[in-house]
């Protein structure tokens, strides 16, 4: 029973903290020391659900990935003509298997 009560008290305390906290401006946050900011961040992270933490971690990982350049494939005039001919024959239904 004691374990349950501790869990309940901890949850109630976290709920109270959520109500008290408000959004602070950057100017207000710049007054804090680096250590105080880290403590505030860890407190807010500890209150998040497991799913939200997983999504946040995924977004951070994704942001660190390099952006791959997209390259367009260029076809020669012969390739484009062959493609058009193939499509035309496919629509007409005159395609035959080639003999090897």
N, C-alpha and C. Protein backbone atom coordinates (compact mmCIF):
# COMPACT_ATOMS: atom_id res chain seq x y z
N UNK A 1 0.80 -1.18 0.00
CA UNK A 1 0.00 0.00 0.00
C UNK A 1 0.86 1.26 0.00
N UNK A 2 1.96 1.23 0.69
CA UNK A 2 2.80 2.42 0.78
C UNK A 2 3.33 2.82 -0.60
N UNK A 3 3.65 1.83 -1.41
CA UNK A 3 4.15 2.12 -2.75
C UNK A 3 3.11 2.87 -3.56
N UNK A 4 1.85 2.46 -3.44
CA UNK A 4 0.77 3.13 -4.17
C UNK A 4 0.61 4.57 -3.73
N UNK A 5 0.67 4.79 -2.42
CA UNK A 5 0.49 6.15 -1.90
C UNK A 5 1.60 7.08 -2.41
N UNK A 6 2.83 6.56 -2.44
CA UNK A 6 3.94 7.38 -2.94
C UNK A 6 3.71 7.76 -4.39
N UNK A 7 3.24 6.81 -5.19
CA UNK A 7 2.96 7.07 -6.59
C UNK A 7 1.88 8.12 -6.77
N UNK A 8 0.84 8.00 -5.93
CA UNK A 8 -0.26 8.97 -6.00
C UNK A 8 0.22 10.36 -5.61
N UNK A 9 1.02 10.43 -4.55
CA UNK A 9 1.53 11.73 -4.11
C UNK A 9 2.43 12.36 -5.17
N UNK A 10 3.24 11.52 -5.78
CA UNK A 10 4.15 12.03 -6.81
C UNK A 10 3.35 12.57 -7.99
N UNK A 11 2.30 11.82 -8.41
CA UNK A 11 1.46 12.27 -9.51
C UNK A 11 0.75 13.57 -9.17
N UNK A 12 0.23 13.66 -7.95
CA UNK A 12 -0.47 14.86 -7.52
C UNK A 12 0.47 16.06 -7.51
N UNK A 13 1.70 15.83 -7.06
CA UNK A 13 2.71 16.91 -7.04
C UNK A 13 3.02 17.37 -8.46
N UNK A 14 3.15 16.41 -9.38
CA UNK A 14 3.44 16.75 -10.78
C UNK A 14 2.28 17.53 -11.40
N UNK A 15 1.05 17.16 -11.06
CA UNK A 15 -0.12 17.86 -11.59
C UNK A 15 -0.13 19.30 -11.09
N UNK A 16 0.20 19.49 -9.79
CA UNK A 16 0.26 20.84 -9.23
C UNK A 16 1.34 21.66 -9.92
N UNK A 17 2.47 21.04 -10.20
CA UNK A 17 3.56 21.75 -10.89
C UNK A 17 3.13 22.19 -12.28
N UNK A 18 2.37 21.33 -12.97
CA UNK A 18 1.89 21.67 -14.30
C UNK A 18 0.99 22.90 -14.27
N UNK A 19 0.14 22.98 -13.23
CA UNK A 19 -0.78 24.10 -13.11
C UNK A 19 -0.04 25.40 -12.83
N UNK A 20 0.98 25.35 -11.97
CA UNK A 20 1.70 26.54 -11.55
C UNK A 20 2.56 27.10 -12.68
N UNK A 21 3.23 26.22 -13.42
CA UNK A 21 4.14 26.68 -14.47
C UNK A 21 3.41 27.46 -15.55
N UNK A 22 4.07 28.49 -16.02
CA UNK A 22 3.53 29.28 -17.12
C UNK A 22 4.63 29.47 -18.15
N UNK A 23 4.25 29.92 -19.30
CA UNK A 23 5.22 30.14 -20.37
C UNK A 23 6.02 31.39 -20.06
N UNK A 24 7.33 31.25 -20.04
CA UNK A 24 8.21 32.38 -19.73
C UNK A 24 8.81 32.91 -21.03
N UNK A 25 9.07 34.20 -21.04
CA UNK A 25 9.69 34.81 -22.22
C UNK A 25 11.17 34.47 -22.23
N UNK A 26 11.80 34.68 -23.38
CA UNK A 26 13.23 34.41 -23.50
C UNK A 26 14.03 35.34 -22.59
N UNK A 27 13.59 36.58 -22.47
CA UNK A 27 14.28 37.53 -21.59
C UNK A 27 14.27 37.04 -20.15
N UNK A 28 13.10 36.53 -19.71
CA UNK A 28 13.00 36.01 -18.34
C UNK A 28 13.90 34.79 -18.16
N UNK A 29 13.97 33.95 -19.17
CA UNK A 29 14.81 32.74 -19.08
C UNK A 29 16.29 33.08 -19.11
N UNK A 30 16.67 34.15 -19.78
CA UNK A 30 18.08 34.54 -19.86
C UNK A 30 18.63 34.98 -18.50
N UNK A 31 17.76 35.31 -17.56
CA UNK A 31 18.18 35.70 -16.21
C UNK A 31 18.74 34.49 -15.45
N UNK A 32 18.20 33.30 -15.73
CA UNK A 32 18.64 32.09 -15.04
C UNK A 32 20.06 31.72 -15.43
N UNK A 33 20.73 31.00 -14.51
CA UNK A 33 22.05 30.46 -14.84
C UNK A 33 21.87 29.23 -15.72
N UNK A 34 22.97 28.77 -16.28
CA UNK A 34 22.92 27.59 -17.15
C UNK A 34 22.43 26.37 -16.36
N UNK A 35 22.90 26.22 -15.14
CA UNK A 35 22.51 25.10 -14.30
C UNK A 35 21.01 25.14 -13.99
N UNK A 36 20.48 26.34 -13.70
CA UNK A 36 19.05 26.47 -13.41
C UNK A 36 18.22 26.12 -14.64
N UNK A 37 18.68 26.54 -15.81
CA UNK A 37 17.97 26.22 -17.05
C UNK A 37 17.95 24.71 -17.28
N UNK A 38 19.08 24.05 -17.05
CA UNK A 38 19.16 22.60 -17.22
C UNK A 38 18.20 21.91 -16.26
N UNK A 39 18.12 22.39 -15.02
CA UNK A 39 17.20 21.82 -14.04
C UNK A 39 15.75 21.99 -14.49
N UNK A 40 15.40 23.16 -15.00
CA UNK A 40 14.04 23.40 -15.48
C UNK A 40 13.71 22.47 -16.64
N UNK A 41 14.67 22.29 -17.55
CA UNK A 41 14.46 21.41 -18.71
C UNK A 41 14.24 19.97 -18.24
N UNK A 42 15.07 19.50 -17.31
CA UNK A 42 14.92 18.12 -16.83
C UNK A 42 13.61 17.93 -16.09
N UNK A 43 13.16 18.94 -15.36
CA UNK A 43 11.86 18.85 -14.68
C UNK A 43 10.73 18.70 -15.69
N UNK A 44 10.75 19.53 -16.73
CA UNK A 44 9.67 19.47 -17.71
C UNK A 44 9.73 18.18 -18.52
N UNK A 45 10.92 17.67 -18.78
CA UNK A 45 11.05 16.40 -19.50
C UNK A 45 10.54 15.24 -18.64
N UNK A 46 10.82 15.29 -17.34
CA UNK A 46 10.38 14.23 -16.43
C UNK A 46 8.86 14.16 -16.36
N UNK A 47 8.16 15.27 -16.61
CA UNK A 47 6.70 15.28 -16.53
C UNK A 47 6.05 14.77 -17.82
N UNK A 48 6.81 14.67 -18.90
CA UNK A 48 6.24 14.23 -20.17
C UNK A 48 5.94 12.73 -20.14
N UNK A 49 5.00 12.32 -20.98
CA UNK A 49 4.69 10.89 -21.09
C UNK A 49 5.77 10.20 -21.92
N UNK A 50 5.78 8.90 -21.85
CA UNK A 50 6.79 8.11 -22.56
C UNK A 50 6.66 8.31 -24.07
N UNK A 51 5.42 8.37 -24.56
CA UNK A 51 5.18 8.52 -25.99
C UNK A 51 5.70 9.88 -26.48
N UNK A 52 5.40 10.94 -25.71
CA UNK A 52 5.86 12.27 -26.11
C UNK A 52 7.38 12.35 -26.11
N UNK A 53 8.01 11.69 -25.14
CA UNK A 53 9.47 11.65 -25.09
C UNK A 53 10.04 10.94 -26.31
N UNK A 54 9.42 9.82 -26.67
CA UNK A 54 9.88 9.05 -27.83
C UNK A 54 9.75 9.88 -29.11
N UNK A 55 8.63 10.60 -29.25
CA UNK A 55 8.42 11.43 -30.43
C UNK A 55 9.44 12.56 -30.47
N UNK A 56 9.70 13.17 -29.31
CA UNK A 56 10.67 14.26 -29.23
C UNK A 56 12.07 13.76 -29.62
N UNK A 57 12.45 12.59 -29.11
CA UNK A 57 13.76 12.03 -29.42
C UNK A 57 13.87 11.72 -30.92
N UNK A 58 12.79 11.20 -31.49
CA UNK A 58 12.77 10.90 -32.93
C UNK A 58 12.96 12.19 -33.74
N UNK A 59 12.28 13.27 -33.34
CA UNK A 59 12.40 14.54 -34.05
C UNK A 59 13.82 15.09 -33.97
N UNK A 60 14.45 14.93 -32.80
CA UNK A 60 15.83 15.39 -32.63
C UNK A 60 16.77 14.60 -33.53
N UNK A 61 16.57 13.27 -33.55
CA UNK A 61 17.39 12.42 -34.41
C UNK A 61 17.22 12.80 -35.88
N UNK A 62 15.97 13.01 -36.28
CA UNK A 62 15.66 13.33 -37.67
C UNK A 62 16.29 14.67 -38.07
N UNK A 63 16.30 15.62 -37.15
CA UNK A 63 16.86 16.94 -37.44
C UNK A 63 18.37 16.88 -37.66
N UNK A 64 19.02 15.90 -37.03
CA UNK A 64 20.48 15.79 -37.15
C UNK A 64 20.92 15.09 -38.44
N UNK A 65 19.98 14.42 -39.13
CA UNK A 65 20.33 13.71 -40.35
C UNK A 65 20.66 14.69 -41.47
N UNK A 66 21.66 14.36 -42.30
CA UNK A 66 21.96 15.26 -43.42
C UNK A 66 20.88 15.18 -44.48
N UNK A 67 20.62 16.30 -45.13
CA UNK A 67 19.61 16.34 -46.19
C UNK A 67 20.27 15.86 -47.48
N UNK A 68 19.70 14.81 -48.05
CA UNK A 68 20.26 14.26 -49.28
C UNK A 68 19.78 15.07 -50.48
N UNK A 69 20.71 15.41 -51.38
CA UNK A 69 20.28 16.17 -52.56
C UNK A 69 19.48 15.29 -53.51
N UNK A 70 18.42 15.86 -54.07
CA UNK A 70 17.59 15.11 -55.00
C UNK A 70 18.12 15.36 -56.41
N UNK A 71 18.39 14.28 -57.12
CA UNK A 71 18.90 14.41 -58.49
C UNK A 71 17.85 13.92 -59.46
N UNK A 72 17.62 14.71 -60.48
CA UNK A 72 16.68 14.29 -61.51
C UNK A 72 17.43 13.46 -62.54
N UNK A 73 16.80 12.40 -62.98
CA UNK A 73 17.43 11.54 -63.98
C UNK A 73 17.16 12.10 -65.36
N UNK A 74 18.21 12.22 -66.16
CA UNK A 74 18.05 12.77 -67.51
C UNK A 74 18.07 11.63 -68.52
N UNK A 75 17.06 11.63 -69.38
CA UNK A 75 16.96 10.60 -70.42
C UNK A 75 17.42 11.20 -71.75
N UNK A 76 18.04 10.35 -72.56
CA UNK A 76 18.44 10.80 -73.90
C UNK A 76 17.21 10.82 -74.82
N UNK A 77 17.35 11.45 -75.97
CA UNK A 77 16.23 11.53 -76.93
C UNK A 77 15.83 10.14 -77.40
N UNK A 78 16.81 9.26 -77.59
CA UNK A 78 16.53 7.89 -78.04
C UNK A 78 15.72 7.13 -76.98
N UNK A 79 16.10 7.31 -75.71
CA UNK A 79 15.39 6.61 -74.64
C UNK A 79 13.94 7.09 -74.55
N UNK A 80 13.73 8.41 -74.68
CA UNK A 80 12.37 8.95 -74.62
C UNK A 80 11.53 8.47 -75.79
N UNK A 81 12.14 8.41 -76.99
CA UNK A 81 11.41 7.93 -78.17
C UNK A 81 11.03 6.46 -77.99
N UNK A 82 11.96 5.65 -77.48
CA UNK A 82 11.69 4.24 -77.26
C UNK A 82 10.58 4.06 -76.23
N UNK A 83 10.59 4.89 -75.21
CA UNK A 83 9.56 4.83 -74.18
C UNK A 83 8.18 5.15 -74.75
N UNK A 84 8.12 6.20 -75.59
CA UNK A 84 6.85 6.58 -76.22
C UNK A 84 6.34 5.47 -77.12
N UNK A 85 7.25 4.86 -77.92
CA UNK A 85 6.88 3.78 -78.82
C UNK A 85 6.35 2.58 -78.04
N UNK A 86 7.05 2.24 -76.95
CA UNK A 86 6.63 1.12 -76.10
C UNK A 86 5.23 1.38 -75.54
N UNK A 87 4.97 2.60 -75.05
CA UNK A 87 3.67 2.94 -74.48
C UNK A 87 2.58 2.87 -75.55
N UNK A 88 2.93 3.32 -76.77
CA UNK A 88 1.96 3.31 -77.87
C UNK A 88 1.59 1.87 -78.23
N UNK A 89 2.60 0.99 -78.31
CA UNK A 89 2.35 -0.41 -78.64
C UNK A 89 1.59 -1.12 -77.51
N UNK A 90 1.88 -0.72 -76.26
CA UNK A 90 1.19 -1.33 -75.12
C UNK A 90 -0.29 -0.99 -75.15
N UNK A 91 -0.61 0.28 -75.52
CA UNK A 91 -2.02 0.69 -75.61
C UNK A 91 -2.72 -0.03 -76.75
N UNK A 92 -1.99 -0.25 -77.85
CA UNK A 92 -2.58 -0.89 -79.02
C UNK A 92 -2.71 -2.41 -78.83
N UNK A 93 -1.94 -2.94 -77.88
CA UNK A 93 -1.98 -4.37 -77.61
C UNK A 93 -1.19 -5.19 -78.62
N UNK A 94 -0.18 -4.60 -79.25
CA UNK A 94 0.62 -5.31 -80.26
C UNK A 94 1.99 -5.70 -79.74
N UNK A 95 2.17 -5.72 -78.42
CA UNK A 95 3.48 -6.11 -77.87
C UNK A 95 3.67 -7.61 -78.01
N UNK A 96 4.83 -8.00 -78.50
CA UNK A 96 5.17 -9.41 -78.61
C UNK A 96 6.44 -9.68 -77.80
N UNK A 97 6.57 -10.91 -77.34
CA UNK A 97 7.78 -11.25 -76.62
C UNK A 97 8.93 -11.35 -77.59
N UNK A 98 10.09 -10.84 -77.19
CA UNK A 98 11.25 -10.91 -78.08
C UNK A 98 11.87 -12.30 -78.00
N UNK A 99 12.39 -12.77 -79.13
CA UNK A 99 13.01 -14.09 -79.20
C UNK A 99 14.46 -13.98 -78.81
N UNK A 100 14.93 -14.93 -78.03
CA UNK A 100 16.33 -14.90 -77.61
C UNK A 100 17.20 -15.83 -78.40
